[in-house]
Amino acid sequence: MTTENKAGVGALLTPEESVLVLIDHQPFQVANLHSHEPTMVINNAVGLAKAAKVFDVPTVLTTVLEERGGLLLQGLQDVFPEQKPINRTFINTWQDERVVDAVKATGRKKLVIAGLWTEICVAMPAIQAAGEGFDVFAVTDASGGVSKEAHDMAVQRMIQAGVVPITWMAVLGEWQRDWAREKTVQGVTEIQAQHGGASGVAFAWEMQLLATPTGGEA
């Protein structure tokens, strides 16, 4: 991310400028995921994928050696049932021309990445893409590493390369930006209810309170 793009409203994400790449959310990677509770990372990745669909953000799905590491997690595949993940041999996703071509074909420069593991499958393409002129955002809570240290060091390394760390709910908020954007409000609230944890519960409670008659009503 260039210096002039690090601050100001232009530094925020918009659906029109974003492209999402989800990298290697597969059983083998989940089996050695120790930086976060695995169910949380899976929940967040699915929530992020659903957000991309609501906002019509182009999404590229990838796997690595899926015949050995397993197919893309079903929760993610269910969001994009028509899309076949790009199955690679490259450890660094950004070295696979099919992935790069798919991203470049969108014409978008704000690259949002999440994957397993953070220290390899997220950091390597994020750092390379940042060096090639993309504004890269790494979704840290929809990613995870083999240890907390591995994840944290990867995030620090990406920051040094100009990559912006962000959480999936922050991505959702920046894409929505305005509650008057009625076209996507229903989809956003459904995603929050399904995947937002305490935030989803609080929102449901707020809706209950708004629908509850006051004591002064007949």
Protein backbone atom coordinates (compact mmCIF):
# COMPACT_ATOMS: atom_id res chain seq x y z
CA MET A 1 0.00 0.00 0.00
CA THR A 2 1.48 3.33 -1.01
CA THR A 3 2.00 6.08 1.58
CA GLU A 4 -0.77 8.26 0.18
CA ASN A 5 -3.27 5.39 0.50
CA LYS A 6 -2.65 4.66 4.19
CA ALA A 7 -4.96 7.34 5.56
CA GLY A 8 -8.10 9.19 4.61
CA VAL A 9 -11.38 7.91 3.30
CA GLY A 10 -9.61 6.40 0.28
CA ALA A 11 -7.81 3.97 2.59
CA LEU A 12 -11.12 2.33 3.50
CA LEU A 13 -12.56 -0.60 1.60
CA THR A 14 -15.44 -0.30 -0.83
CA PRO A 15 -17.22 -3.20 -2.54
CA GLU A 16 -16.60 -1.64 -5.94
CA GLU A 17 -12.81 -1.66 -5.49
CA SER A 18 -12.38 -4.96 -3.64
CA VAL A 19 -11.52 -8.48 -4.71
CA LEU A 20 -11.37 -11.34 -2.23
CA VAL A 21 -9.01 -14.33 -2.31
CA LEU A 22 -9.67 -17.19 0.11
CA ILE A 23 -6.66 -19.45 0.40
CA ASP A 24 -6.52 -23.09 1.48
CA HIS A 25 -9.26 -23.39 4.08
CA GLN A 26 -8.85 -27.19 3.97
CA PRO A 27 -8.92 -30.06 6.48
CA PHE A 28 -5.14 -30.56 6.56
CA GLN A 29 -4.52 -26.91 7.44
CA VAL A 30 -7.30 -26.87 10.02
CA ALA A 31 -5.78 -29.95 11.69
CA ASN A 32 -2.65 -27.97 12.60
CA LEU A 33 -4.35 -24.63 13.32
CA HIS A 34 -3.30 -23.56 16.82
CA SER A 35 -3.22 -19.75 16.81
CA HIS A 36 -7.01 -19.53 17.17
CA GLU A 37 -9.90 -21.78 18.05
CA PRO A 38 -10.51 -23.50 14.68
CA THR A 39 -14.28 -23.18 14.75
CA MET A 40 -13.91 -19.41 15.16
CA VAL A 41 -11.66 -19.10 12.10
CA ILE A 42 -14.04 -21.25 10.03
CA ASN A 43 -17.02 -19.19 11.21
CA ASN A 44 -15.26 -15.95 10.34
CA ALA A 45 -14.11 -17.17 6.92
CA VAL A 46 -17.64 -18.24 6.02
CA GLY A 47 -19.01 -14.92 7.26
CA LEU A 48 -16.45 -13.09 5.12
CA ALA A 49 -17.36 -15.17 2.08
CA LYS A 50 -21.07 -14.48 2.58
CA ALA A 51 -20.31 -10.76 2.88
CA ALA A 52 -18.47 -10.83 -0.43
CA LYS A 53 -21.47 -12.48 -2.04
CA VAL A 54 -23.90 -9.92 -0.62
CA PHE A 55 -21.79 -7.05 -1.94
CA ASP A 56 -20.99 -8.70 -5.29
CA VAL A 57 -17.27 -8.67 -4.51
CA PRO A 58 -15.43 -11.01 -6.92
CA THR A 59 -14.05 -13.95 -4.96
CA VAL A 60 -11.28 -16.37 -5.90
CA LEU A 61 -11.20 -19.70 -4.08
CA THR A 62 -7.97 -21.68 -3.89
CA THR A 63 -6.74 -25.00 -2.53
CA VAL A 64 -3.33 -26.61 -2.46
CA LEU A 65 -2.89 -30.29 -3.29
CA GLU A 66 -6.54 -30.94 -2.49
CA GLU A 67 -6.20 -34.62 -3.34
CA ARG A 68 -4.01 -34.91 -0.22
CA GLY A 69 -4.95 -31.89 1.89
CA GLY A 70 -8.68 -32.21 1.38
CA LEU A 71 -11.35 -30.28 -0.44
CA LEU A 72 -12.30 -26.72 0.43
CA LEU A 73 -14.33 -26.68 3.65
CA GLN A 74 -17.96 -27.31 2.79
CA GLY A 75 -19.20 -24.14 4.50
CA LEU A 76 -17.17 -22.02 2.10
CA GLN A 77 -17.97 -24.09 -0.96
CA ASP A 78 -21.66 -23.76 -0.14
CA VAL A 79 -21.42 -19.97 -0.47
CA PHE A 80 -20.11 -20.35 -4.03
CA PRO A 81 -21.51 -23.73 -5.15
CA GLU A 82 -20.88 -23.00 -8.82
CA GLN A 83 -17.19 -22.16 -8.37
CA LYS A 84 -14.40 -24.73 -8.57
CA PRO A 85 -11.44 -23.69 -6.40
CA ILE A 86 -8.14 -23.23 -8.19
CA ASN A 87 -6.06 -26.18 -7.00
CA ARG A 88 -2.34 -25.39 -6.90
CA THR A 89 1.03 -26.95 -6.28
CA PHE A 90 2.72 -23.60 -5.56
CA ILE A 91 3.03 -22.83 -1.85
CA ASN A 92 2.82 -19.12 -2.71
CA THR A 93 -0.60 -18.57 -4.28
CA TRP A 94 0.63 -15.45 -6.08
CA GLN A 95 3.01 -17.58 -8.13
CA ASP A 96 0.09 -19.37 -9.74
CA GLU A 97 -0.74 -17.41 -12.88
CA ARG A 98 -4.34 -18.59 -12.85
CA VAL A 99 -4.93 -16.88 -9.50
CA VAL A 100 -3.13 -13.69 -10.50
CA ASP A 101 -4.95 -13.56 -13.83
CA ALA A 102 -8.31 -14.05 -12.08
CA VAL A 103 -7.57 -11.16 -9.72
CA LYS A 104 -6.28 -8.87 -12.46
CA ALA A 105 -9.30 -9.65 -14.64
CA THR A 106 -11.50 -7.90 -12.08
CA GLY A 107 -9.62 -4.64 -12.60
CA ARG A 108 -9.68 -4.07 -8.85
CA LYS A 109 -6.71 -3.00 -6.75
CA LYS A 110 -7.88 -3.52 -3.16
CA LEU A 111 -6.98 -7.15 -2.52
CA VAL A 112 -8.54 -8.77 0.54
CA ILE A 113 -6.88 -12.04 1.58
CA ALA A 114 -7.63 -14.69 4.20
CA GLY A 115 -6.25 -18.18 4.48
CA LEU A 116 -4.51 -20.99 6.30
CA TRP A 117 -1.80 -20.69 7.37
CA THR A 118 -1.11 -17.01 8.02
CA GLU A 119 2.67 -17.33 8.09
CA ILE A 120 2.85 -19.04 4.69
CA CYS A 121 -0.30 -19.09 2.61
CA VAL A 122 -1.39 -15.56 3.54
CA ALA A 123 1.92 -13.77 4.09
CA MET A 124 3.66 -14.87 0.91
CA PRO A 125 1.04 -13.74 -1.62
CA ALA A 126 0.14 -10.66 0.43
CA ILE A 127 3.74 -9.43 0.49
CA GLN A 128 4.29 -10.17 -3.19
CA ALA A 129 1.03 -8.55 -4.31
CA ALA A 130 1.75 -5.48 -2.19
CA GLY A 131 5.05 -5.15 -4.02
CA GLU A 132 3.21 -5.27 -7.35
CA GLY A 133 0.97 -2.30 -6.66
CA PHE A 134 -2.04 -3.84 -4.94
CA ASP A 135 -3.48 -2.41 -1.74
CA VAL A 136 -3.56 -5.60 0.32
CA PHE A 137 -5.72 -6.27 3.37
CA ALA A 138 -5.09 -9.43 5.42
CA VAL A 139 -8.15 -10.62 7.33
CA THR A 140 -6.44 -11.83 10.47
CA ASP A 141 -9.37 -13.52 12.23
CA ALA A 142 -10.41 -15.48 9.13
CA SER A 143 -6.83 -16.75 8.96
CA GLY A 144 -4.69 -18.71 11.37
CA GLY A 145 -1.27 -20.22 11.90
CA VAL A 146 0.34 -23.30 13.40
CA SER A 147 0.97 -21.31 16.59
CA LYS A 148 0.11 -17.92 18.03
CA GLU A 149 3.70 -16.83 17.48
CA ALA A 150 3.63 -17.94 13.85
CA HIS A 151 0.43 -15.98 13.22
CA ASP A 152 1.61 -12.87 15.08
CA MET A 153 5.01 -12.79 13.40
CA ALA A 154 3.34 -13.15 10.00
CA VAL A 155 1.05 -10.19 10.71
CA GLN A 156 4.03 -8.10 11.83
CA ARG A 157 5.98 -9.05 8.73
CA MET A 158 3.06 -8.15 6.46
CA ILE A 159 2.62 -4.79 8.17
CA GLN A 160 6.30 -4.03 7.48
CA ALA A 161 5.59 -4.75 3.80
CA GLY A 162 2.63 -2.34 3.74
CA VAL A 163 -0.18 -4.88 4.14
CA VAL A 164 -3.12 -3.72 6.27
CA PRO A 165 -4.38 -6.13 8.98
CA ILE A 166 -8.16 -6.12 9.37
CA THR A 167 -10.87 -8.31 10.90
CA TRP A 168 -13.79 -9.77 8.99
CA MET A 169 -16.42 -7.65 10.76
CA ALA A 170 -14.42 -4.55 9.92
CA VAL A 171 -14.45 -5.58 6.26
CA LEU A 172 -18.22 -6.04 6.48
CA GLY A 173 -18.62 -2.60 8.07
CA GLU A 174 -16.46 -0.84 5.51
CA TRP A 175 -18.30 -2.48 2.63
CA GLN A 176 -21.68 -1.46 4.07
CA ARG A 177 -20.48 2.00 5.23
CA ASP A 178 -24.00 3.49 5.46
CA TRP A 179 -27.16 1.90 6.92
CA ALA A 180 -29.10 3.87 4.32
CA ARG A 181 -27.59 1.49 1.77
CA GLU A 182 -30.80 -0.51 1.87
CA LYS A 183 -29.95 -2.98 -0.89
CA THR A 184 -27.49 -4.85 1.33
CA VAL A 185 -28.85 -4.18 4.83
CA GLN A 186 -30.87 -7.39 5.04
CA GLY A 187 -27.95 -9.52 3.88
CA VAL A 188 -25.60 -7.82 6.33
CA THR A 189 -27.95 -8.30 9.27
CA GLU A 190 -28.42 -11.97 8.38
CA ILE A 191 -24.66 -12.48 8.27
CA GLN A 192 -24.25 -10.75 11.62
CA ALA A 193 -26.94 -12.95 13.14
CA GLN A 194 -25.39 -16.13 11.76
CA HIS A 195 -21.70 -15.40 12.26
CA GLY A 196 -21.35 -12.27 14.41
CA GLY A 197 -21.23 -14.01 17.78
CA ALA A 198 -22.11 -11.62 20.60
CA SER A 199 -22.58 -8.81 18.08
CA GLY A 200 -25.23 -10.87 16.33
CA VAL A 201 -26.96 -11.64 19.62
CA ALA A 202 -26.92 -7.97 20.61
CA PHE A 203 -28.38 -6.97 17.25
CA ALA A 204 -31.19 -9.52 17.60
CA TRP A 205 -31.89 -8.16 21.09
CA GLU A 206 -32.03 -4.62 19.74
CA MET A 207 -34.55 -5.71 17.11
CA GLN A 208 -36.61 -7.38 19.84
CA LEU A 209 -36.62 -4.19 21.92
CA LEU A 210 -37.64 -2.08 18.95
CA ALA A 211 -40.57 -4.44 18.30
CA THR A 212 -41.70 -4.61 21.94
CA PRO A 213 -44.69 -2.39 22.85
CA THR A 214 -44.06 0.10 25.64
CA GLY A 215 -46.12 0.03 28.83
CA GLY A 216 -48.11 3.08 27.72
CA GLU A 217 -49.54 1.34 24.67
CA ALA A 218 -53.03 -0.18 24.76
